[in-house]
């Protein structure tokens, strides 16, 4: 079967920092931040006049609390944040159509899992 290809993807250098610190007894806080200061949308085939991201800035952050439990279990709560800002253009040589877009996402997850 032929591979399904996405019509586009975002590409750019990303830098990040991550760390963890014990808080109380076995409770651990971990956090990370990643930033893509300059990116662009890599295009495959798009219809004429389609707006694409000519410049992209994106940032991600995550914080989680985890606690080892009896019987090789671990409980965790995690918050993730993402923000994207993009300048859009249709790439026309004369009178290009332009726009800008800013997106944010917030996700909270919690669960219990097994450790080995």
PDB file of N, CA and C in Angstrom:
ATOM      1  N   UNK A   1       0.844  -1.178   0.000  1.00  0.00           N
ATOM      2  CA  UNK A   1       0.000   0.000   0.000  1.00  0.00           C
ATOM      3  C   UNK A   1       0.891   1.242   0.000  1.00  0.00           C
ATOM      4  N   UNK A   2       0.521   2.268  -0.751  1.00  0.00           N
ATOM      5  CA  UNK A   2       1.337   3.488  -0.773  1.00  0.00           C
ATOM      6  C   UNK A   2       1.234   4.226   0.555  1.00  0.00           C
ATOM      7  N   UNK A   3       2.327   4.905   0.901  1.00  0.00           N
ATOM      8  CA  UNK A   3       2.353   5.677   2.143  1.00  0.00           C
ATOM      9  C   UNK A   3       1.469   6.911   2.005  1.00  0.00           C
ATOM     10  N   UNK A   4       0.776   7.255   3.064  1.00  0.00           N
ATOM     11  CA  UNK A   4      -0.039   8.470   3.082  1.00  0.00           C
ATOM     12  C   UNK A   4       0.857   9.613   3.523  1.00  0.00           C
ATOM     13  N   UNK A   5       0.933  10.674   2.719  1.00  0.00           N
ATOM     14  CA  UNK A   5       1.796  11.800   3.020  1.00  0.00           C
ATOM     15  C   UNK A   5       0.962  12.994   3.438  1.00  0.00           C
ATOM     16  N   UNK A   6       1.433  13.668   4.456  1.00  0.00           N
ATOM     17  CA  UNK A   6       0.783  14.897   4.897  1.00  0.00           C
ATOM     18  C   UNK A   6       1.051  15.973   3.857  1.00  0.00           C
ATOM     19  N   UNK A   7       0.094  16.896   3.615  1.00  0.00           N
ATOM     20  CA  UNK A   7       0.329  17.955   2.635  1.00  0.00           C
ATOM     21  C   UNK A   7       1.391  18.945   3.092  1.00  0.00           C
ATOM     22  N   UNK A   8       1.718  18.971   4.379  1.00  0.00           N
ATOM     23  CA  UNK A   8       2.725  19.905   4.862  1.00  0.00           C
ATOM     24  C   UNK A   8       3.190  19.505   6.243  1.00  0.00           C
ATOM     25  N   UNK A   9       4.292  20.106   6.676  1.00  0.00           N
ATOM     26  CA  UNK A   9       4.785  19.921   8.028  1.00  0.00           C
ATOM     27  C   UNK A   9       5.515  21.193   8.452  1.00  0.00           C
ATOM     28  N   UNK A  10       5.659  21.392   9.751  1.00  0.00           N
ATOM     29  CA  UNK A  10       6.369  22.551  10.284  1.00  0.00           C
ATOM     30  C   UNK A  10       7.792  22.113  10.609  1.00  0.00           C
ATOM     31  N   UNK A  11       8.777  22.904  10.178  1.00  0.00           N
ATOM     32  CA  UNK A  11      10.174  22.576  10.432  1.00  0.00           C
ATOM     33  C   UNK A  11      10.885  23.785  11.021  1.00  0.00           C
ATOM     34  N   UNK A  12      11.802  23.530  11.947  1.00  0.00           N
ATOM     35  CA  UNK A  12      12.595  24.594  12.543  1.00  0.00           C
ATOM     36  C   UNK A  12      13.429  24.054  13.689  1.00  0.00           C
ATOM     37  N   UNK A  13      14.501  24.745  14.016  1.00  0.00           N
ATOM     38  CA  UNK A  13      15.361  24.342  15.123  1.00  0.00           C
ATOM     39  C   UNK A  13      14.619  24.540  16.436  1.00  0.00           C
ATOM     40  N   UNK A  14      14.782  23.574  17.346  1.00  0.00           N
ATOM     41  CA  UNK A  14      14.114  23.622  18.642  1.00  0.00           C
ATOM     42  C   UNK A  14      15.155  23.484  19.744  1.00  0.00           C
ATOM     43  N   UNK A  15      15.031  24.284  20.784  1.00  0.00           N
ATOM     44  CA  UNK A  15      15.899  24.177  21.960  1.00  0.00           C
ATOM     45  C   UNK A  15      15.016  23.956  23.174  1.00  0.00           C
ATOM     46  N   UNK A  16      15.551  23.260  24.182  1.00  0.00           N
ATOM     47  CA  UNK A  16      14.729  22.970  25.349  1.00  0.00           C
ATOM     48  C   UNK A  16      15.550  22.742  26.595  1.00  0.00           C
ATOM     49  N   UNK A  17      14.841  22.707  27.711  1.00  0.00           N
ATOM     50  CA  UNK A  17      15.445  22.493  29.017  1.00  0.00           C
ATOM     51  C   UNK A  17      14.465  21.670  29.846  1.00  0.00           C
ATOM     52  N   UNK A  18      14.985  20.675  30.565  1.00  0.00           N
ATOM     53  CA  UNK A  18      14.127  19.832  31.386  1.00  0.00           C
ATOM     54  C   UNK A  18      14.828  19.551  32.699  1.00  0.00           C
ATOM     55  N   UNK A  19      14.039  19.392  33.758  1.00  0.00           N
ATOM     56  CA  UNK A  19      14.615  19.079  35.057  1.00  0.00           C
ATOM     57  C   UNK A  19      13.581  18.463  35.973  1.00  0.00           C
ATOM     58  N   UNK A  20      14.076  17.902  37.076  1.00  0.00           N
ATOM     59  CA  UNK A  20      13.199  17.290  38.078  1.00  0.00           C
ATOM     60  C   UNK A  20      13.781  17.557  39.451  1.00  0.00           C
ATOM     61  N   UNK A  21      12.893  17.670  40.437  1.00  0.00           N
ATOM     62  CA  UNK A  21      13.323  17.911  41.811  1.00  0.00           C
ATOM     63  C   UNK A  21      12.393  17.158  42.766  1.00  0.00           C
ATOM     64  N   UNK A  22      12.973  16.471  43.771  1.00  0.00           N
ATOM     65  CA  UNK A  22      12.113  15.837  44.777  1.00  0.00           C
ATOM     66  C   UNK A  22      11.508  16.909  45.683  1.00  0.00           C
ATOM     67  N   UNK A  23      10.231  16.768  46.014  1.00  0.00           N
ATOM     68  CA  UNK A  23       9.558  17.767  46.841  1.00  0.00           C
ATOM     69  C   UNK A  23       9.395  17.296  48.286  1.00  0.00           C
ATOM     70  N   UNK A  24       8.573  16.300  48.487  1.00  0.00           N
ATOM     71  CA  UNK A  24       8.259  15.833  49.828  1.00  0.00           C
ATOM     72  C   UNK A  24       8.239  14.314  49.813  1.00  0.00           C
ATOM     73  N   UNK A  25       9.042  13.708  50.658  1.00  0.00           N
ATOM     74  CA  UNK A  25       9.195  12.253  50.678  1.00  0.00           C
ATOM     75  C   UNK A  25       9.485  11.741  49.279  1.00  0.00           C
ATOM     76  N   UNK A  26       8.549  11.067  48.636  1.00  0.00           N
ATOM     77  CA  UNK A  26       8.801  10.493  47.306  1.00  0.00           C
ATOM     78  C   UNK A  26       8.107  11.255  46.193  1.00  0.00           C
ATOM     79  N   UNK A  27       7.485  12.378  46.500  1.00  0.00           N
ATOM     80  CA  UNK A  27       6.799  13.200  45.503  1.00  0.00           C
ATOM     81  C   UNK A  27       7.838  13.952  44.661  1.00  0.00           C
ATOM     82  N   UNK A  28       7.728  13.859  43.332  1.00  0.00           N
ATOM     83  CA  UNK A  28       8.708  14.471  42.420  1.00  0.00           C
ATOM     84  C   UNK A  28       8.003  15.428  41.469  1.00  0.00           C
ATOM     85  N   UNK A  29       8.566  16.617  41.317  1.00  0.00           N
ATOM     86  CA  UNK A  29       8.099  17.601  40.342  1.00  0.00           C
ATOM     87  C   UNK A  29       9.082  17.619  39.186  1.00  0.00           C
ATOM     88  N   UNK A  30       8.578  17.476  37.968  1.00  0.00           N
ATOM     89  CA  UNK A  30       9.428  17.602  36.785  1.00  0.00           C
ATOM     90  C   UNK A  30       8.813  18.629  35.855  1.00  0.00           C
ATOM     91  N   UNK A  31       9.669  19.316  35.124  1.00  0.00           N
ATOM     92  CA  UNK A  31       9.186  20.364  34.217  1.00  0.00           C
ATOM     93  C   UNK A  31      10.099  20.453  33.006  1.00  0.00           C
ATOM     94  N   UNK A  32       9.534  20.917  31.898  1.00  0.00           N
ATOM     95  CA  UNK A  32      10.340  21.123  30.690  1.00  0.00           C
ATOM     96  C   UNK A  32       9.763  22.289  29.895  1.00  0.00           C
ATOM     97  N   UNK A  33      10.643  22.932  29.140  1.00  0.00           N
ATOM     98  CA  UNK A  33      10.265  24.022  28.246  1.00  0.00           C
ATOM     99  C   UNK A  33      11.018  23.811  26.938  1.00  0.00           C
ATOM    100  N   UNK A  34      10.327  23.885  25.820  1.00  0.00           N
ATOM    101  CA  UNK A  34      10.934  23.788  24.490  1.00  0.00           C
ATOM    102  C   UNK A  34      10.474  24.979  23.666  1.00  0.00           C
ATOM    103  N   UNK A  35      11.366  25.525  22.854  1.00  0.00           N
ATOM    104  CA  UNK A  35      11.048  26.702  22.048  1.00  0.00           C
ATOM    105  C   UNK A  35      11.574  26.502  20.629  1.00  0.00           C
ATOM    106  N   UNK A  36      10.748  26.854  19.648  1.00  0.00           N
ATOM    107  CA  UNK A  36      11.175  26.921  18.255  1.00  0.00           C
ATOM    108  C   UNK A  36      11.080  28.400  17.861  1.00  0.00           C
ATOM    109  N   UNK A  37      12.211  29.144  17.938  1.00  0.00           N
ATOM    110  CA  UNK A  37      12.156  30.582  17.688  1.00  0.00           C
ATOM    111  C   UNK A  37      11.896  30.961  16.234  1.00  0.00           C
ATOM    112  N   UNK A  38      12.281  30.112  15.296  1.00  0.00           N
ATOM    113  CA  UNK A  38      12.087  30.433  13.877  1.00  0.00           C
ATOM    114  C   UNK A  38      11.857  29.141  13.100  1.00  0.00           C
ATOM    115  N   UNK A  39      10.688  29.039  12.506  1.00  0.00           N
ATOM    116  CA  UNK A  39      10.369  27.870  11.707  1.00  0.00           C
ATOM    117  C   UNK A  39       9.568  28.279  10.494  1.00  0.00           C
ATOM    118  N   UNK A  40       9.277  27.316   9.641  1.00  0.00           N
ATOM    119  CA  UNK A  40       8.464  27.570   8.450  1.00  0.00           C
ATOM    120  C   UNK A  40       7.740  26.288   8.084  1.00  0.00           C
ATOM    121  N   UNK A  41       6.695  26.436   7.315  1.00  0.00           N
ATOM    122  CA  UNK A  41       5.921  25.295   6.864  1.00  0.00           C
ATOM    123  C   UNK A  41       6.545  24.749   5.597  1.00  0.00           C
ATOM    124  N   UNK A  42       6.866  23.455   5.622  1.00  0.00           N
ATOM    125  CA  UNK A  42       7.409  22.777   4.445  1.00  0.00           C
ATOM    126  C   UNK A  42       6.222  22.254   3.642  1.00  0.00           C
ATOM    127  N   UNK A  43       6.113  22.723   2.406  1.00  0.00           N
ATOM    128  CA  UNK A  43       4.943  22.389   1.594  1.00  0.00           C
ATOM    129  C   UNK A  43       5.194  21.215   0.673  1.00  0.00           C
ATOM    130  N   UNK A  44       4.182  20.403   0.481  1.00  0.00           N
ATOM    131  CA  UNK A  44       4.167  19.404  -0.577  1.00  0.00           C
ATOM    132  C   UNK A  44       3.308  20.008  -1.688  1.00  0.00           C
ATOM    133  N   UNK A  45       2.233  19.411  -2.065  1.00  0.00           N
ATOM    134  CA  UNK A  45       1.351  19.979  -3.086  1.00  0.00           C
ATOM    135  C   UNK A  45       0.135  20.599  -2.418  1.00  0.00           C
ATOM    136  N   UNK A  46      -0.079  21.889  -2.655  1.00  0.00           N
ATOM    137  CA  UNK A  46      -1.259  22.590  -2.156  1.00  0.00           C
ATOM    138  C   UNK A  46      -1.925  23.311  -3.312  1.00  0.00           C
ATOM    139  N   UNK A  47      -3.240  23.452  -3.282  1.00  0.00           N
ATOM    140  CA  UNK A  47      -3.931  24.184  -4.344  1.00  0.00           C
ATOM    141  C   UNK A  47      -3.484  25.649  -4.388  1.00  0.00           C
ATOM    142  N   UNK A  48      -3.520  26.250  -5.563  1.00  0.00           N
ATOM    143  CA  UNK A  48      -3.157  27.654  -5.719  1.00  0.00           C
ATOM    144  C   UNK A  48      -4.033  28.517  -4.818  1.00  0.00           C
ATOM    145  N   UNK A  49      -3.425  29.529  -4.205  1.00  0.00           N
ATOM    146  CA  UNK A  49      -4.162  30.438  -3.337  1.00  0.00           C
ATOM    147  C   UNK A  49      -4.268  29.986  -1.893  1.00  0.00           C
ATOM    148  N   UNK A  50      -3.772  28.784  -1.562  1.00  0.00           N
ATOM    149  CA  UNK A  50      -3.818  28.292  -0.188  1.00  0.00           C
ATOM    150  C   UNK A  50      -2.815  29.054   0.662  1.00  0.00           C
ATOM    151  N   UNK A  51      -3.252  29.532   1.810  1.00  0.00           N
ATOM    152  CA  UNK A  51      -2.343  30.219   2.720  1.00  0.00           C
ATOM    153  C   UNK A  51      -1.490  29.191   3.454  1.00  0.00           C
ATOM    154  N   UNK A  52      -0.189  29.457   3.554  1.00  0.00           N
ATOM    155  CA  UNK A  52       0.721  28.581   4.294  1.00  0.00           C
ATOM    156  C   UNK A  52       1.531  29.432   5.257  1.00  0.00           C
ATOM    157  N   UNK A  53       2.118  28.794   6.259  1.00  0.00           N
ATOM    158  CA  UNK A  53       2.877  29.507   7.289  1.00  0.00           C
ATOM    159  C   UNK A  53       4.273  29.834   6.774  1.00  0.00           C
ATOM    160  N   UNK A  54       4.502  31.109   6.476  1.00  0.00           N
ATOM    161  CA  UNK A  54       5.822  31.521   6.000  1.00  0.00           C
ATOM    162  C   UNK A  54       6.801  31.681   7.155  1.00  0.00           C
ATOM    163  N   UNK A  55       6.330  32.050   8.340  1.00  0.00           N
ATOM    164  CA  UNK A  55       7.156  32.066   9.557  1.00  0.00           C
ATOM    165  C   UNK A  55       6.330  31.510  10.708  1.00  0.00           C
ATOM    166  N   UNK A  56       7.009  30.776  11.586  1.00  0.00           N
ATOM    167  CA  UNK A  56       6.343  30.133  12.717  1.00  0.00           C
ATOM    168  C   UNK A  56       7.226  30.275  13.955  1.00  0.00           C
ATOM    169  N   UNK A  57       6.613  30.632  15.073  1.00  0.00           N
ATOM    170  CA  UNK A  57       7.271  30.561  16.367  1.00  0.00           C
ATOM    171  C   UNK A  57       6.378  29.681  17.250  1.00  0.00           C
ATOM    172  N   UNK A  58       7.011  28.768  18.000  1.00  0.00           N
ATOM    173  CA  UNK A  58       6.217  27.855  18.811  1.00  0.00           C
ATOM    174  C   UNK A  58       6.939  27.584  20.123  1.00  0.00           C
ATOM    175  N   UNK A  59       6.158  27.367  21.195  1.00  0.00           N
ATOM    176  CA  UNK A  59       6.710  27.040  22.506  1.00  0.00           C
ATOM    177  C   UNK A  59       5.839  25.974  23.163  1.00  0.00           C
ATOM    178  N   UNK A  60       6.487  25.093  23.926  1.00  0.00           N
ATOM    179  CA  UNK A  60       5.800  24.043  24.655  1.00  0.00           C
ATOM    180  C   UNK A  60       6.307  24.056  26.088  1.00  0.00           C
ATOM    181  N   UNK A  61       5.455  23.760  27.045  1.00  0.00           N
ATOM    182  CA  UNK A  61       5.860  23.637  28.447  1.00  0.00           C
ATOM    183  C   UNK A  61       5.090  22.479  29.065  1.00  0.00           C
ATOM    184  N   UNK A  62       5.739  21.820  30.034  1.00  0.00           N
ATOM    185  CA  UNK A  62       5.108  20.684  30.713  1.00  0.00           C
ATOM    186  C   UNK A  62       5.552  20.684  32.165  1.00  0.00           C
ATOM    187  N   UNK A  63       4.634  20.377  33.049  1.00  0.00           N
ATOM    188  CA  UNK A  63       4.950  20.183  34.462  1.00  0.00           C
ATOM    189  C   UNK A  63       4.177  18.963  34.945  1.00  0.00           C
ATOM    190  N   UNK A  64       4.833  18.126  35.744  1.00  0.00           N
ATOM    191  CA  UNK A  64       4.142  16.944  36.256  1.00  0.00           C
ATOM    192  C   UNK A  64       4.579  16.646  37.679  1.00  0.00           C
ATOM    193  N   UNK A  65       3.652  16.091  38.428  1.00  0.00           N
ATOM    194  CA  UNK A  65       3.917  15.578  39.770  1.00  0.00           C
ATOM    195  C   UNK A  65       3.733  14.071  39.718  1.00  0.00           C
ATOM    196  N   UNK A  66       4.688  13.338  40.261  1.00  0.00           N
ATOM    197  CA  UNK A  66       4.562  11.881  40.288  1.00  0.00           C
ATOM    198  C   UNK A  66       4.879  11.356  41.680  1.00  0.00           C
ATOM    199  N   UNK A  67       4.230  10.264  42.041  1.00  0.00           N
ATOM    200  CA  UNK A  67       4.395   9.665  43.352  1.00  0.00           C
ATOM    201  C   UNK A  67       4.402   8.148  43.211  1.00  0.00           C
ATOM    202  N   UNK A  68       5.523   7.494  43.571  1.00  0.00           N
ATOM    203  CA  UNK A  68       5.543   6.027  43.558  1.00  0.00           C
ATOM    204  C   UNK A  68       4.550   5.472  44.580  1.00  0.00           C
ATOM    205  N   UNK A  69       3.826   4.443  44.191  1.00  0.00           N
ATOM    206  CA  UNK A  69       2.830   3.787  45.035  1.00  0.00           C
ATOM    207  C   UNK A  69       3.253   2.342  45.273  1.00  0.00           C
ATOM    208  N   UNK A  70       2.628   1.654  46.205  1.00  0.00           N
ATOM    209  CA  UNK A  70       2.960   0.235  46.417  1.00  0.00           C
ATOM    210  C   UNK A  70       2.655  -0.612  45.171  1.00  0.00           C
ATOM    211  N   UNK A  71       3.191  -1.809  45.141  1.00  0.00           N
ATOM    212  CA  UNK A  71       2.945  -2.803  44.085  1.00  0.00           C
ATOM    213  C   UNK A  71       3.414  -2.335  42.711  1.00  0.00           C
ATOM    214  N   UNK A  72       4.546  -1.661  42.635  1.00  0.00           N
ATOM    215  CA  UNK A  72       5.129  -1.184  41.368  1.00  0.00           C
ATOM    216  C   UNK A  72       4.201  -0.237  40.613  1.00  0.00           C
ATOM    217  N   UNK A  73       3.384   0.523  41.315  1.00  0.00           N
ATOM    218  CA  UNK A  73       2.510   1.497  40.685  1.00  0.00           C
ATOM    219  C   UNK A  73       3.058   2.904  40.881  1.00  0.00           C
ATOM    220  N   UNK A  74       2.667   3.799  39.995  1.00  0.00           N
ATOM    221  CA  UNK A  74       3.036   5.203  40.117  1.00  0.00           C
ATOM    222  C   UNK A  74       1.833   6.050  39.722  1.00  0.00           C
ATOM    223  N   UNK A  75       1.573   7.101  40.485  1.00  0.00           N
ATOM    224  CA  UNK A  75       0.496   8.039  40.173  1.00  0.00           C
ATOM    225  C   UNK A  75       1.112   9.322  39.631  1.00  0.00           C
ATOM    226  N   UNK A  76       0.458   9.938  38.677  1.00  0.00           N
ATOM    227  CA  UNK A  76       1.001  11.155  38.079  1.00  0.00           C
ATOM    228  C   UNK A  76      -0.117  12.087  37.639  1.00  0.00           C
ATOM    229  N   UNK A  77       0.176  13.394  37.732  1.00  0.00           N
ATOM    230  CA  UNK A  77      -0.680  14.453  37.213  1.00  0.00           C
ATOM    231  C   UNK A  77       0.212  15.331  36.356  1.00  0.00           C
ATOM    232  N   UNK A  78      -0.266  15.676  35.158  1.00  0.00           N
ATOM    233  CA  UNK A  78       0.571  16.418  34.214  1.00  0.00           C
ATOM    234  C   UNK A  78      -0.228  17.553  33.577  1.00  0.00           C
ATOM    235  N   UNK A  79       0.426  18.697  33.422  1.00  0.00           N
ATOM    236  CA  UNK A  79      -0.150  19.845  32.709  1.00  0.00           C
ATOM    237  C   UNK A  79       0.757  20.158  31.525  1.00  0.00           C
ATOM    238  N   UNK A  80       0.184  20.291  30.339  1.00  0.00           N
ATOM    239  CA  UNK A  80       0.944  20.644  29.134  1.00  0.00           C
ATOM    240  C   UNK A  80       0.349  21.888  28.502  1.00  0.00           C
ATOM    241  N   UNK A  81       1.223  22.767  28.028  1.00  0.00           N
ATOM    242  CA  UNK A  81       0.823  24.009  27.385  1.00  0.00           C
ATOM    243  C   UNK A  81       1.573  24.125  26.073  1.00  0.00           C
ATOM    244  N   UNK A  82       0.909  24.623  25.057  1.00  0.00           N
ATOM    245  CA  UNK A  82       1.541  24.856  23.761  1.00  0.00           C
ATOM    246  C   UNK A  82       1.016  26.167  23.193  1.00  0.00           C
ATOM    247  N   UNK A  83       1.908  26.922  22.556  1.00  0.00           N
ATOM    248  CA  UNK A  83       1.500  28.159  21.894  1.00  0.00           C
ATOM    249  C   UNK A  83       2.218  28.248  20.552  1.00  0.00           C
ATOM    250  N   UNK A  84       1.474  28.617  19.528  1.00  0.00           N
ATOM    251  CA  UNK A  84       2.013  28.750  18.176  1.00  0.00           C
ATOM    252  C   UNK A  84       1.572  30.087  17.600  1.00  0.00           C
ATOM    253  N   UNK A  85       2.514  30.786  16.975  1.00  0.00           N
ATOM    254  CA  UNK A  85       2.204  32.030  16.278  1.00  0.00           C
ATOM    255  C   UNK A  85       2.730  31.883  14.856  1.00  0.00           C
ATOM    256  N   UNK A  86       1.900  32.160  13.870  1.00  0.00           N
ATOM    257  CA  UNK A  86       2.301  31.972  12.479  1.00  0.00           C
ATOM    258  C   UNK A  86       1.856  33.150  11.622  1.00  0.00           C
ATOM    259  N   UNK A  87       2.742  33.562  10.713  1.00  0.00           N
ATOM    260  CA  UNK A  87       2.400  34.522   9.668  1.00  0.00           C
ATOM    261  C   UNK A  87       2.105  33.717   8.412  1.00  0.00           C
ATOM    262  N   UNK A  88       0.951  33.927   7.814  1.00  0.00           N
ATOM    263  CA  UNK A  88       0.506  33.142   6.670  1.00  0.00           C
ATOM    264  C   UNK A  88       0.561  33.966   5.393  1.00  0.00           C
ATOM    265  N   UNK A  89       0.831  33.296   4.277  1.00  0.00           N
ATOM    266  CA  UNK A  89       0.869  33.945   2.970  1.00  0.00           C
ATOM    267  C   UNK A  89       0.491  32.924   1.906  1.00  0.00           C
ATOM    268  N   UNK A  90      -0.028  33.406   0.770  1.00  0.00           N
ATOM    269  CA  UNK A  90      -0.298  32.488  -0.335  1.00  0.00           C
ATOM    270  C   UNK A  90       0.893  32.411  -1.288  1.00  0.00           C
ATOM    271  N   UNK A  91       1.939  33.205  -1.039  1.00  0.00           N
ATOM    272  CA  UNK A  91       3.167  33.150  -1.829  1.00  0.00           C
ATOM    273  C   UNK A  91       3.077  33.822  -3.183  1.00  0.00           C
ATOM    274  N   UNK A  92       2.018  34.543  -3.464  1.00  0.00           N
ATOM    275  CA  UNK A  92       1.873  35.205  -4.763  1.00  0.00           C
ATOM    276  C   UNK A  92       2.940  36.302  -4.908  1.00  0.00           C
ATOM    277  N   UNK A  93       3.479  36.430  -6.119  1.00  0.00           N
ATOM    278  CA  UNK A  93       4.516  37.432  -6.376  1.00  0.00           C
ATOM    279  C   UNK A  93       3.946  38.845  -6.334  1.00  0.00           C
ATOM    280  N   UNK A  94       2.738  39.017  -6.816  1.00  0.00           N
ATOM    281  CA  UNK A  94       2.105  40.339  -6.779  1.00  0.00           C
ATOM    282  C   UNK A  94       0.830  40.247  -5.954  1.00  0.00           C
ATOM    283  N   UNK A  95       0.601  41.203  -5.090  1.00  0.00           N
ATOM    284  CA  UNK A  95      -0.590  41.272  -4.234  1.00  0.00           C
ATOM    285  C   UNK A  95      -0.837  39.977  -3.446  1.00  0.00           C
ATOM    286  N   UNK A  96       0.135  39.534  -2.634  1.00  0.00           N
ATOM    287  CA  UNK A  96      -0.090  38.300  -1.872  1.00  0.00           C
ATOM    288  C   UNK A  96      -1.161  38.478  -0.801  1.00  0.00           C
ATOM    289  N   UNK A  97      -1.915  37.427  -0.544  1.00  0.00           N
ATOM    290  CA  UNK A  97      -2.873  37.410   0.557  1.00  0.00           C
ATOM    291  C   UNK A  97      -2.097  37.001   1.805  1.00  0.00           C
ATOM    292  N   UNK A  98      -2.309  37.728   2.906  1.00  0.00           N
ATOM    293  CA  UNK A  98      -1.601  37.419   4.141  1.00  0.00           C
ATOM    294  C   UNK A  98      -2.565  37.393   5.312  1.00  0.00           C
ATOM    295  N   UNK A  99      -2.146  36.748   6.384  1.00  0.00           N
ATOM    296  CA  UNK A  99      -2.913  36.684   7.628  1.00  0.00           C
ATOM    297  C   UNK A  99      -1.948  36.255   8.725  1.00  0.00           C
ATOM    298  N   UNK A 100      -2.391  36.336   9.951  1.00  0.00           N
ATOM    299  CA  UNK A 100      -1.608  35.801  11.064  1.00  0.00           C
ATOM    300  C   UNK A 100      -2.526  34.966  11.945  1.00  0.00           C
ATOM    301  N   UNK A 101      -1.916  34.059  12.693  1.00  0.00           N
ATOM    302  CA  UNK A 101      -2.700  33.147  13.517  1.00  0.00           C
ATOM    303  C   UNK A 101      -1.925  32.840  14.793  1.00  0.00           C
ATOM    304  N   UNK A 102      -2.639  32.790  15.912  1.00  0.00           N
ATOM    305  CA  UNK A 102      -2.055  32.397  17.188  1.00  0.00           C
ATOM    306  C   UNK A 102      -2.945  31.330  17.803  1.00  0.00           C
ATOM    307  N   UNK A 103      -2.352  30.206  18.175  1.00  0.00           N
ATOM    308  CA  UNK A 103      -3.090  29.092  18.790  1.00  0.00           C
ATOM    309  C   UNK A 103      -2.479  28.775  20.151  1.00  0.00           C
ATOM    310  N   UNK A 104      -3.328  28.363  21.093  1.00  0.00           N
ATOM    311  CA  UNK A 104      -2.879  27.890  22.390  1.00  0.00           C
ATOM    312  C   UNK A 104      -3.608  26.601  22.715  1.00  0.00           C
ATOM    313  N   UNK A 105      -2.929  25.721  23.438  1.00  0.00           N
ATOM    314  CA  UNK A 105      -3.618  24.527  23.930  1.00  0.00           C
ATOM    315  C   UNK A 105      -3.188  24.263  25.367  1.00  0.00           C
ATOM    316  N   UNK A 106      -4.128  23.793  26.168  1.00  0.00           N
ATOM    317  CA  UNK A 106      -3.891  23.444  27.562  1.00  0.00           C
ATOM    318  C   UNK A 106      -4.442  22.038  27.773  1.00  0.00           C
ATOM    319  N   UNK A 107      -3.643  21.141  28.354  1.00  0.00           N
ATOM    320  CA  UNK A 107      -4.078  19.766  28.577  1.00  0.00           C
ATOM    321  C   UNK A 107      -3.679  19.358  29.994  1.00  0.00           C
ATOM    322  N   UNK A 108      -4.622  18.791  30.736  1.00  0.00           N
ATOM    323  CA  UNK A 108      -4.335  18.223  32.056  1.00  0.00           C
ATOM    324  C   UNK A 108      -4.663  16.741  31.998  1.00  0.00           C
ATOM    325  N   UNK A 109      -3.712  15.924  32.416  1.00  0.00           N
ATOM    326  CA  UNK A 109      -3.934  14.485  32.441  1.00  0.00           C
ATOM    327  C   UNK A 109      -3.551  13.945  33.814  1.00  0.00           C
ATOM    328  N   UNK A 110      -4.158  12.844  34.208  1.00  0.00           N
ATOM    329  CA  UNK A 110      -3.838  12.180  35.460  1.00  0.00           C
ATOM    330  C   UNK A 110      -4.011  10.680  35.266  1.00  0.00           C
ATOM    331  N   UNK A 111      -3.221   9.917  35.967  1.00  0.00           N
ATOM    332  CA  UNK A 111      -3.355   8.467  35.829  1.00  0.00           C
ATOM    333  C   UNK A 111      -2.491   7.696  36.794  1.00  0.00           C
ATOM    334  N   UNK A 112      -2.685   6.387  36.760  1.00  0.00           N
ATOM    335  CA  UNK A 112      -1.887   5.460  37.543  1.00  0.00           C
ATOM    336  C   UNK A 112      -1.325   4.448  36.569  1.00  0.00           C
ATOM    337  N   UNK A 113      -0.025   4.165  36.689  1.00  0.00           N
ATOM    338  CA  UNK A 113       0.621   3.206  35.795  1.00  0.00           C
ATOM    339  C   UNK A 113       1.543   2.283  36.558  1.00  0.00           C
ATOM    340  N   UNK A 114       2.115   1.337  35.833  1.00  0.00           N
ATOM    341  CA  UNK A 114       3.030   0.368  36.437  1.00  0.00           C
ATOM    342  C   UNK A 114       4.473   0.750  36.132  1.00  0.00           C
ATOM    343  N   UNK A 115       5.362   0.495  37.078  1.00  0.00           N
ATOM    344  CA  UNK A 115       6.802   0.681  36.878  1.00  0.00           C
ATOM    345  C   UNK A 115       7.506  -0.653  37.099  1.00  0.00           C
ATOM    346  N   UNK A 116       8.670  -0.800  36.500  1.00  0.00           N
ATOM    347  CA  UNK A 116       9.443  -2.033  36.677  1.00  0.00           C
ATOM    348  C   UNK A 116      10.805  -1.725  37.174  1.00  0.00           C
TER     349      UNK A 116
END
